[in-house]
Structures are given as C-alpha cells and as structure tokens.
C-alpha cells in the first residue's frame, strides 16, 4: 500500500475525484460542484500519494442538523458531503483513515462538543455505522443517485 498524506485541499483539487466516483453520469468537463463548496467555513480534506495523486476526498461545512431534537440545539453541527475514494484504492481502509483524520482536525478547530452528520447512500450505511454514526429519520431518494439516510455522530472538543 502507498504511504498516504492527510491534507486540507482546495475545491478545485477535490472536484475531479468527487465527480468521477460520485457522479459518473455527469457529462465530460462537468464537475459535482456543491453550493457550499465556496463558503469561507467550508473545509476540503483528502488523502494523497507521495506522487501527489489525490485518492480520497471529503468536504465539511457548518450546517444545522435536520433532526434538532436529537442533539442540544447549541451543539455545533457540521455536514460531511462528497466523500469519495478512488476506485483503485477502495476497500483498503482509506475511507476510515480519512474520517479519522477529519475528526482529529475538527476536534482541534472547534472548541465545543460538536456533531458530524451526512446524508449517507444506502450502500455506505454500514461503513458509517462502523465509525460510530447512527441513523436518523427515514430513508429518502436523491434523484439520479438513489436512497440515502441521515447519519450522525458526536465528537468531543479538546479539554481546556
């Protein structure tokens, strides 16, 4: 296995992999660009090889949790979106490594107890559950993509 580096990346750096894995039905030269990608609080993370090939990506931004009764309303909520691992690197634990790296980084950046949540594809529910996420609400369809369900987990701020 390659030696990988965890990095904060730019939007432009993550778009090709995100599109190739999550939106392969997009026409050439069209990227899976989200409205939140350019917000000042948005963070893009990834794993890259020593040759600087980006092999895993994810985006995180502040967004209210859609089920407010599950957490204290004052809890900082961050949405995870656009997580993708290059097809030739899948099933090697890179997704877990990326999430663990993001949680460590977010713990340092957010001085209060917080939650990380996502709209998980049905095929990824087991992956997120193994990382401590739990489901909320009922599954729902996303056009041209398939069934999703909201999943979340808390993470604790560093002690002062």
N, C-alpha and C. Protein backbone atom coordinates (compact mmCIF):
# COMPACT_ATOMS: atom_id res chain seq x y z
N UNK A 1 0.85 -1.18 0.00
CA UNK A 1 0.00 0.00 0.00
C UNK A 1 0.89 1.23 0.00
N UNK A 2 0.43 2.24 -0.69
CA UNK A 2 1.16 3.51 -0.75
C UNK A 2 1.16 4.20 0.60
N UNK A 3 2.20 4.99 0.84
CA UNK A 3 2.23 5.86 2.00
C UNK A 3 1.37 7.07 1.65
N UNK A 4 0.39 7.37 2.46
CA UNK A 4 -0.54 8.45 2.14
C UNK A 4 -0.39 9.61 3.11
N UNK A 5 -0.75 10.80 2.64
CA UNK A 5 -0.70 12.01 3.44
C UNK A 5 -2.10 12.59 3.55
N UNK A 6 -2.49 12.99 4.76
CA UNK A 6 -3.76 13.67 5.00
C UNK A 6 -3.52 15.16 4.82
N UNK A 7 -4.35 15.81 4.00
CA UNK A 7 -4.18 17.24 3.71
C UNK A 7 -5.50 17.97 3.67
N UNK A 8 -5.43 19.27 3.93
CA UNK A 8 -6.54 20.14 3.58
C UNK A 8 -6.29 20.55 2.13
N UNK A 9 -7.32 20.47 1.30
CA UNK A 9 -7.20 20.71 -0.13
C UNK A 9 -8.11 21.85 -0.57
N UNK A 10 -7.92 22.29 -1.80
CA UNK A 10 -8.81 23.30 -2.37
C UNK A 10 -9.99 22.61 -3.05
N UNK A 11 -11.01 23.37 -3.31
CA UNK A 11 -12.17 22.85 -4.02
C UNK A 11 -11.76 22.30 -5.38
N UNK A 12 -10.93 23.02 -6.09
CA UNK A 12 -10.51 22.59 -7.42
C UNK A 12 -9.78 21.25 -7.37
N UNK A 13 -9.06 21.00 -6.30
CA UNK A 13 -8.32 19.74 -6.18
C UNK A 13 -9.22 18.54 -5.94
N UNK A 14 -10.34 18.74 -5.25
CA UNK A 14 -11.19 17.59 -4.91
C UNK A 14 -12.24 17.28 -5.97
N UNK A 15 -12.59 18.25 -6.81
CA UNK A 15 -13.70 18.06 -7.75
C UNK A 15 -13.53 16.91 -8.74
N UNK A 16 -12.37 16.72 -9.35
CA UNK A 16 -12.27 15.62 -10.32
C UNK A 16 -12.57 14.24 -9.71
N UNK A 17 -11.99 13.94 -8.54
CA UNK A 17 -12.24 12.64 -7.91
C UNK A 17 -13.69 12.54 -7.45
N UNK A 18 -14.20 13.58 -6.81
CA UNK A 18 -15.59 13.56 -6.34
C UNK A 18 -16.53 13.26 -7.51
N UNK A 19 -16.32 13.91 -8.62
CA UNK A 19 -17.20 13.73 -9.77
C UNK A 19 -17.05 12.32 -10.35
N UNK A 20 -15.83 11.87 -10.52
CA UNK A 20 -15.57 10.56 -11.12
C UNK A 20 -16.22 9.43 -10.32
N UNK A 21 -16.19 9.54 -8.99
CA UNK A 21 -16.72 8.46 -8.15
C UNK A 21 -18.21 8.63 -7.83
N UNK A 22 -18.62 9.83 -7.48
CA UNK A 22 -20.00 10.04 -7.02
C UNK A 22 -20.98 10.44 -8.11
N UNK A 23 -20.50 11.01 -9.20
CA UNK A 23 -21.39 11.47 -10.26
C UNK A 23 -20.87 11.04 -11.64
N UNK A 24 -20.61 9.75 -11.82
CA UNK A 24 -20.05 9.31 -13.10
C UNK A 24 -20.98 9.56 -14.29
N UNK A 25 -22.25 9.80 -14.02
CA UNK A 25 -23.21 10.06 -15.09
C UNK A 25 -23.13 11.50 -15.61
N UNK A 26 -22.34 12.36 -14.96
CA UNK A 26 -22.19 13.74 -15.44
C UNK A 26 -21.45 13.73 -16.78
N UNK A 27 -21.79 14.67 -17.63
CA UNK A 27 -21.12 14.78 -18.92
C UNK A 27 -19.67 15.24 -18.73
N UNK A 28 -18.78 14.93 -19.68
CA UNK A 28 -17.37 15.33 -19.54
C UNK A 28 -17.22 16.83 -19.28
N UNK A 29 -16.22 17.16 -18.48
CA UNK A 29 -15.90 18.54 -18.09
C UNK A 29 -16.98 19.21 -17.24
N UNK A 30 -17.88 18.41 -16.66
CA UNK A 30 -18.88 18.91 -15.71
C UNK A 30 -18.50 18.34 -14.35
N UNK A 31 -18.42 19.20 -13.34
CA UNK A 31 -18.00 18.75 -12.03
C UNK A 31 -19.15 18.73 -11.03
N UNK A 32 -19.04 17.86 -10.05
CA UNK A 32 -20.01 17.75 -8.96
C UNK A 32 -19.71 18.85 -7.96
N UNK A 33 -20.08 20.04 -8.31
CA UNK A 33 -19.82 21.23 -7.50
C UNK A 33 -21.05 21.51 -6.65
N UNK A 34 -20.86 21.66 -5.33
CA UNK A 34 -21.95 21.94 -4.40
C UNK A 34 -21.97 23.43 -4.07
N UNK A 35 -23.13 23.95 -3.78
CA UNK A 35 -23.26 25.37 -3.43
C UNK A 35 -22.37 25.73 -2.24
N UNK A 36 -22.19 24.81 -1.31
CA UNK A 36 -21.41 25.08 -0.10
C UNK A 36 -19.89 25.05 -0.34
N UNK A 37 -19.45 24.56 -1.48
CA UNK A 37 -18.01 24.40 -1.74
C UNK A 37 -17.20 25.68 -1.56
N UNK A 38 -17.77 26.81 -1.88
CA UNK A 38 -17.02 28.06 -1.86
C UNK A 38 -17.24 28.91 -0.61
N UNK A 39 -18.01 28.42 0.34
CA UNK A 39 -18.23 29.18 1.58
C UNK A 39 -16.91 29.30 2.35
N UNK A 40 -16.72 30.39 3.05
CA UNK A 40 -15.46 30.60 3.77
C UNK A 40 -15.23 29.56 4.86
N UNK A 41 -16.31 28.98 5.43
CA UNK A 41 -16.15 27.99 6.51
C UNK A 41 -16.00 26.57 5.99
N UNK A 42 -16.13 26.36 4.68
CA UNK A 42 -16.05 25.02 4.11
C UNK A 42 -14.62 24.52 4.12
N UNK A 43 -14.47 23.25 4.48
CA UNK A 43 -13.17 22.59 4.52
C UNK A 43 -13.19 21.40 3.57
N UNK A 44 -12.15 21.26 2.77
CA UNK A 44 -12.00 20.12 1.87
C UNK A 44 -10.76 19.35 2.33
N UNK A 45 -10.92 18.05 2.55
CA UNK A 45 -9.82 17.22 3.00
C UNK A 45 -9.59 16.08 2.04
N UNK A 46 -8.39 15.53 2.08
CA UNK A 46 -8.11 14.39 1.23
C UNK A 46 -6.87 13.64 1.66
N UNK A 47 -6.71 12.50 1.04
CA UNK A 47 -5.52 11.68 1.18
C UNK A 47 -4.83 11.65 -0.17
N UNK A 48 -3.51 11.79 -0.16
CA UNK A 48 -2.76 11.77 -1.41
C UNK A 48 -1.52 10.89 -1.29
N UNK A 49 -1.08 10.40 -2.44
CA UNK A 49 0.11 9.55 -2.51
C UNK A 49 1.35 10.43 -2.51
N UNK A 50 2.54 9.84 -2.35
CA UNK A 50 3.77 10.64 -2.43
C UNK A 50 3.93 11.36 -3.77
N UNK A 51 3.28 10.83 -4.80
CA UNK A 51 3.33 11.47 -6.13
C UNK A 51 2.25 12.55 -6.26
N UNK A 52 1.58 12.88 -5.17
CA UNK A 52 0.55 13.93 -5.10
C UNK A 52 -0.73 13.56 -5.83
N UNK A 53 -0.97 12.26 -6.04
CA UNK A 53 -2.23 11.81 -6.60
C UNK A 53 -3.26 11.80 -5.47
N UNK A 54 -4.36 12.50 -5.65
CA UNK A 54 -5.41 12.56 -4.64
C UNK A 54 -6.28 11.32 -4.80
N UNK A 55 -6.37 10.51 -3.72
CA UNK A 55 -7.05 9.23 -3.81
C UNK A 55 -8.30 9.13 -2.92
N UNK A 56 -8.53 10.11 -2.06
CA UNK A 56 -9.73 10.14 -1.21
C UNK A 56 -10.01 11.59 -0.87
N UNK A 57 -11.30 11.96 -0.89
CA UNK A 57 -11.69 13.36 -0.61
C UNK A 57 -12.99 13.41 0.17
N UNK A 58 -13.19 14.53 0.85
CA UNK A 58 -14.44 14.81 1.54
C UNK A 58 -14.51 16.31 1.83
N UNK A 59 -15.73 16.78 1.95
CA UNK A 59 -15.99 18.20 2.22
C UNK A 59 -16.82 18.31 3.49
N UNK A 60 -16.50 19.32 4.31
CA UNK A 60 -17.22 19.55 5.57
C UNK A 60 -17.54 21.04 5.67
N UNK A 61 -18.76 21.34 6.11
CA UNK A 61 -19.17 22.73 6.30
C UNK A 61 -20.22 22.81 7.39
N UNK A 62 -20.33 23.97 8.06
CA UNK A 62 -21.36 24.14 9.09
C UNK A 62 -22.75 24.05 8.46
N UNK A 63 -23.59 23.24 9.04
CA UNK A 63 -24.97 23.09 8.56
C UNK A 63 -25.80 22.52 9.69
N UNK A 64 -26.95 23.12 9.96
CA UNK A 64 -27.82 22.62 11.03
C UNK A 64 -28.19 21.17 10.78
N UNK A 65 -28.24 20.43 11.87
CA UNK A 65 -28.66 19.04 11.79
C UNK A 65 -30.16 19.00 11.54
N UNK A 66 -30.63 18.18 10.59
CA UNK A 66 -32.05 18.21 10.21
C UNK A 66 -33.02 17.63 11.25
N UNK A 67 -32.51 17.01 12.30
CA UNK A 67 -33.37 16.46 13.36
C UNK A 67 -32.98 17.11 14.68
N UNK A 68 -33.41 18.34 14.93
CA UNK A 68 -32.92 19.14 16.07
C UNK A 68 -33.21 18.55 17.44
N UNK A 69 -34.16 17.67 17.56
CA UNK A 69 -34.46 17.13 18.89
C UNK A 69 -33.45 16.08 19.33
N UNK A 70 -32.58 15.62 18.45
CA UNK A 70 -31.62 14.58 18.81
C UNK A 70 -30.38 15.11 19.53
N UNK A 71 -30.07 16.38 19.35
CA UNK A 71 -28.90 16.99 19.97
C UNK A 71 -29.30 18.31 20.59
N UNK A 72 -28.55 18.77 21.56
CA UNK A 72 -28.76 20.10 22.13
C UNK A 72 -28.68 21.12 21.00
N UNK A 73 -29.64 22.03 20.90
CA UNK A 73 -29.65 22.99 19.80
C UNK A 73 -28.40 23.86 19.72
N UNK A 74 -27.67 24.00 20.81
CA UNK A 74 -26.46 24.83 20.79
C UNK A 74 -25.24 24.05 20.27
N UNK A 75 -25.39 22.77 20.02
CA UNK A 75 -24.28 21.95 19.53
C UNK A 75 -23.89 22.38 18.12
N UNK A 76 -22.60 22.54 17.90
CA UNK A 76 -22.09 22.85 16.57
C UNK A 76 -22.32 21.64 15.68
N UNK A 77 -22.96 21.86 14.52
CA UNK A 77 -23.23 20.77 13.58
C UNK A 77 -22.49 21.03 12.28
N UNK A 78 -21.78 20.01 11.81
CA UNK A 78 -21.00 20.08 10.58
C UNK A 78 -21.47 18.96 9.66
N UNK A 79 -21.73 19.30 8.41
CA UNK A 79 -22.16 18.29 7.46
C UNK A 79 -20.97 17.79 6.65
N UNK A 80 -20.88 16.48 6.53
CA UNK A 80 -19.91 15.80 5.69
C UNK A 80 -20.59 15.51 4.37
N UNK A 81 -19.94 15.89 3.29
CA UNK A 81 -20.56 15.71 1.98
C UNK A 81 -19.47 15.41 0.94
N UNK A 82 -19.83 14.68 -0.08
CA UNK A 82 -18.93 14.46 -1.20
C UNK A 82 -17.74 13.58 -0.88
N UNK A 83 -17.91 12.61 0.03
CA UNK A 83 -16.80 11.72 0.35
C UNK A 83 -16.64 10.69 -0.76
N UNK A 84 -15.40 10.55 -1.24
CA UNK A 84 -15.14 9.61 -2.33
C UNK A 84 -13.73 9.06 -2.23
N UNK A 85 -13.58 7.80 -2.60
CA UNK A 85 -12.27 7.14 -2.65
C UNK A 85 -12.09 6.61 -4.07
N UNK A 86 -10.92 6.88 -4.65
CA UNK A 86 -10.61 6.41 -6.00
C UNK A 86 -10.88 4.90 -6.10
N UNK A 87 -11.47 4.47 -7.20
CA UNK A 87 -11.86 3.06 -7.36
C UNK A 87 -10.69 2.10 -7.14
N UNK A 88 -9.50 2.46 -7.58
CA UNK A 88 -8.35 1.56 -7.43
C UNK A 88 -7.82 1.52 -6.00
N UNK A 89 -8.34 2.36 -5.11
CA UNK A 89 -7.90 2.39 -3.71
C UNK A 89 -9.02 1.98 -2.74
N UNK A 90 -10.18 1.62 -3.27
CA UNK A 90 -11.29 1.26 -2.39
C UNK A 90 -11.05 -0.07 -1.69
N UNK A 91 -11.74 -0.26 -0.58
CA UNK A 91 -11.67 -1.47 0.24
C UNK A 91 -10.28 -1.70 0.85
N UNK A 92 -9.59 -0.60 1.14
CA UNK A 92 -8.28 -0.68 1.79
C UNK A 92 -8.25 0.13 3.09
N UNK A 93 -9.40 0.61 3.55
CA UNK A 93 -9.44 1.37 4.79
C UNK A 93 -9.20 2.86 4.64
N UNK A 94 -9.13 3.36 3.40
CA UNK A 94 -8.85 4.78 3.20
C UNK A 94 -10.00 5.67 3.67
N UNK A 95 -11.23 5.22 3.49
CA UNK A 95 -12.37 6.00 3.96
C UNK A 95 -12.31 6.18 5.47
N UNK A 96 -12.01 5.11 6.18
CA UNK A 96 -11.87 5.18 7.64
C UNK A 96 -10.73 6.11 8.02
N UNK A 97 -9.60 5.99 7.34
CA UNK A 97 -8.45 6.85 7.61
C UNK A 97 -8.80 8.31 7.38
N UNK A 98 -9.53 8.60 6.31
CA UNK A 98 -9.92 9.97 6.01
C UNK A 98 -10.85 10.52 7.08
N UNK A 99 -11.87 9.76 7.47
CA UNK A 99 -12.81 10.22 8.51
C UNK A 99 -12.07 10.43 9.83
N UNK A 100 -11.20 9.52 10.21
CA UNK A 100 -10.45 9.67 11.46
C UNK A 100 -9.56 10.91 11.42
N UNK A 101 -8.93 11.17 10.28
CA UNK A 101 -8.11 12.38 10.14
C UNK A 101 -8.95 13.64 10.25
N UNK A 102 -10.13 13.62 9.63
CA UNK A 102 -11.01 14.78 9.69
C UNK A 102 -11.48 15.02 11.12
N UNK A 103 -11.86 13.95 11.82
CA UNK A 103 -12.32 14.11 13.20
C UNK A 103 -11.22 14.69 14.08
N UNK A 104 -9.98 14.23 13.89
CA UNK A 104 -8.87 14.78 14.67
C UNK A 104 -8.70 16.27 14.36
N UNK A 105 -8.75 16.63 13.10
CA UNK A 105 -8.60 18.03 12.70
C UNK A 105 -9.76 18.88 13.21
N UNK A 106 -10.97 18.37 13.10
CA UNK A 106 -12.15 19.12 13.56
C UNK A 106 -12.13 19.30 15.07
N UNK A 107 -11.65 18.30 15.80
CA UNK A 107 -11.56 18.41 17.25
C UNK A 107 -10.65 19.58 17.64
N UNK A 108 -9.60 19.79 16.87
CA UNK A 108 -8.69 20.91 17.14
C UNK A 108 -9.30 22.26 16.75
N UNK A 109 -10.11 22.29 15.71
CA UNK A 109 -10.64 23.55 15.19
C UNK A 109 -11.91 24.03 15.88
N UNK A 110 -12.67 23.13 16.46
CA UNK A 110 -13.94 23.52 17.07
C UNK A 110 -13.85 23.34 18.57
N UNK A 111 -13.91 24.47 19.32
CA UNK A 111 -13.66 24.44 20.77
C UNK A 111 -14.84 23.94 21.61
N UNK A 112 -15.87 23.45 20.98
CA UNK A 112 -17.03 22.95 21.72
C UNK A 112 -17.37 21.55 21.21
N UNK A 113 -18.09 20.80 22.03
CA UNK A 113 -18.54 19.50 21.58
C UNK A 113 -19.41 19.70 20.34
N UNK A 114 -19.23 18.85 19.36
CA UNK A 114 -19.87 19.05 18.07
C UNK A 114 -20.38 17.72 17.52
N UNK A 115 -21.14 17.83 16.42
CA UNK A 115 -21.57 16.63 15.71
C UNK A 115 -21.16 16.74 14.24
N UNK A 116 -20.92 15.59 13.67
CA UNK A 116 -20.65 15.47 12.25
C UNK A 116 -21.78 14.63 11.68
N UNK A 117 -22.42 15.10 10.62
CA UNK A 117 -23.53 14.35 10.05
C UNK A 117 -23.43 14.34 8.53
N UNK A 118 -24.15 13.39 7.95
CA UNK A 118 -24.14 13.26 6.49
C UNK A 118 -25.46 12.67 6.02
N UNK A 119 -25.66 12.75 4.74
CA UNK A 119 -26.75 12.05 4.07
C UNK A 119 -26.09 10.88 3.36
N UNK A 120 -26.09 9.73 4.00
CA UNK A 120 -25.36 8.57 3.51
C UNK A 120 -26.14 7.80 2.45
N UNK A 121 -25.43 7.42 1.39
CA UNK A 121 -26.03 6.50 0.42
C UNK A 121 -26.32 5.20 1.16
N UNK A 122 -27.37 4.53 0.75
CA UNK A 122 -27.75 3.28 1.40
C UNK A 122 -26.58 2.30 1.41
N UNK A 123 -25.78 2.28 0.35
CA UNK A 123 -24.65 1.36 0.26
C UNK A 123 -23.52 1.70 1.25
N UNK A 124 -23.54 2.90 1.84
CA UNK A 124 -22.48 3.32 2.76
C UNK A 124 -22.91 3.30 4.22
N UNK A 125 -24.14 2.91 4.51
CA UNK A 125 -24.63 2.93 5.88
C UNK A 125 -23.76 2.07 6.80
N UNK A 126 -23.39 0.89 6.38
CA UNK A 126 -22.55 0.01 7.20
C UNK A 126 -21.19 0.63 7.50
N UNK A 127 -20.60 1.28 6.50
CA UNK A 127 -19.32 1.97 6.67
C UNK A 127 -19.43 3.01 7.77
N UNK A 128 -20.42 3.90 7.67
CA UNK A 128 -20.57 4.96 8.66
C UNK A 128 -20.92 4.38 10.04
N UNK A 129 -21.73 3.34 10.08
CA UNK A 129 -22.10 2.73 11.37
C UNK A 129 -20.85 2.19 12.08
N UNK A 130 -19.93 1.59 11.32
CA UNK A 130 -18.68 1.08 11.92
C UNK A 130 -17.83 2.21 12.48
N UNK A 131 -18.04 3.43 12.02
CA UNK A 131 -17.29 4.59 12.51
C UNK A 131 -18.03 5.35 13.61
N UNK A 132 -19.11 4.76 14.13
CA UNK A 132 -19.82 5.35 15.24
C UNK A 132 -20.98 6.26 14.88
N UNK A 133 -21.36 6.31 13.60
CA UNK A 133 -22.51 7.10 13.18
C UNK A 133 -23.78 6.29 13.42
N UNK A 134 -24.88 6.99 13.71
CA UNK A 134 -26.18 6.32 13.83
C UNK A 134 -27.17 7.01 12.88
N UNK A 135 -28.21 6.29 12.52
CA UNK A 135 -29.19 6.81 11.57
C UNK A 135 -30.26 7.64 12.27
N UNK A 136 -30.85 8.55 11.49
CA UNK A 136 -31.96 9.38 11.96
C UNK A 136 -32.98 9.47 10.84
N UNK A 137 -34.25 9.41 11.21
CA UNK A 137 -35.30 9.58 10.22
C UNK A 137 -35.42 8.39 9.28
N UNK A 138 -36.19 8.60 8.24
CA UNK A 138 -36.47 7.55 7.25
C UNK A 138 -35.60 7.74 6.02
N UNK A 139 -35.31 6.65 5.31
CA UNK A 139 -34.57 6.78 4.05
C UNK A 139 -35.34 7.65 3.06
N UNK A 140 -34.61 8.29 2.17
CA UNK A 140 -35.22 9.15 1.14
C UNK A 140 -34.43 9.00 -0.15
N UNK A 141 -35.07 9.33 -1.26
CA UNK A 141 -34.42 9.22 -2.56
C UNK A 141 -33.80 10.54 -2.98
N UNK A 142 -32.64 10.46 -3.58
CA UNK A 142 -31.98 11.59 -4.22
C UNK A 142 -32.00 11.28 -5.71
N UNK A 143 -32.58 12.18 -6.49
CA UNK A 143 -32.76 11.95 -7.93
C UNK A 143 -31.44 11.56 -8.60
N UNK A 144 -31.51 10.57 -9.44
CA UNK A 144 -30.39 10.07 -10.23
C UNK A 144 -29.26 9.45 -9.41
N UNK A 145 -29.45 9.32 -8.09
CA UNK A 145 -28.37 8.78 -7.26
C UNK A 145 -28.86 7.58 -6.45
N UNK A 146 -30.03 7.68 -5.82
CA UNK A 146 -30.56 6.56 -5.06
C UNK A 146 -30.92 6.92 -3.64
N UNK A 147 -31.20 5.87 -2.84
CA UNK A 147 -31.65 6.06 -1.47
C UNK A 147 -30.52 6.51 -0.56
N UNK A 148 -30.87 7.43 0.34
CA UNK A 148 -29.96 7.96 1.35
C UNK A 148 -30.67 7.95 2.70
N UNK A 149 -29.88 8.11 3.76
CA UNK A 149 -30.42 8.29 5.10
C UNK A 149 -29.47 9.19 5.88
N UNK A 150 -30.02 10.00 6.76
CA UNK A 150 -29.21 10.90 7.58
C UNK A 150 -28.52 10.07 8.67
N UNK A 151 -27.21 10.32 8.84
CA UNK A 151 -26.42 9.65 9.87
C UNK A 151 -25.58 10.71 10.59
N UNK A 152 -25.30 10.48 11.89
CA UNK A 152 -24.52 11.45 12.65
C UNK A 152 -23.74 10.77 13.76
N UNK A 153 -22.76 11.50 14.24
CA UNK A 153 -22.00 11.08 15.42
C UNK A 153 -21.44 12.33 16.08
N UNK A 154 -21.25 12.27 17.36
CA UNK A 154 -20.65 13.37 18.07
C UNK A 154 -19.14 13.24 18.08
N UNK A 155 -18.48 14.35 18.34
CA UNK A 155 -17.05 14.31 18.65
C UNK A 155 -16.79 15.38 19.69
N UNK A 156 -15.82 15.11 20.53
CA UNK A 156 -15.59 15.95 21.69
C UNK A 156 -14.45 16.94 21.44
N UNK A 157 -14.63 18.13 21.92
CA UNK A 157 -13.57 19.15 21.84
C UNK A 157 -12.41 18.74 22.74
N UNK A 158 -11.27 19.28 22.44
CA UNK A 158 -10.09 19.05 23.27
C UNK A 158 -10.33 19.69 24.64
N UNK A 159 -9.93 19.04 25.72
CA UNK A 159 -10.10 19.66 27.04
C UNK A 159 -9.30 20.96 27.14
N UNK A 160 -9.85 21.95 27.86
CA UNK A 160 -9.13 23.22 28.02
C UNK A 160 -8.09 23.11 29.09
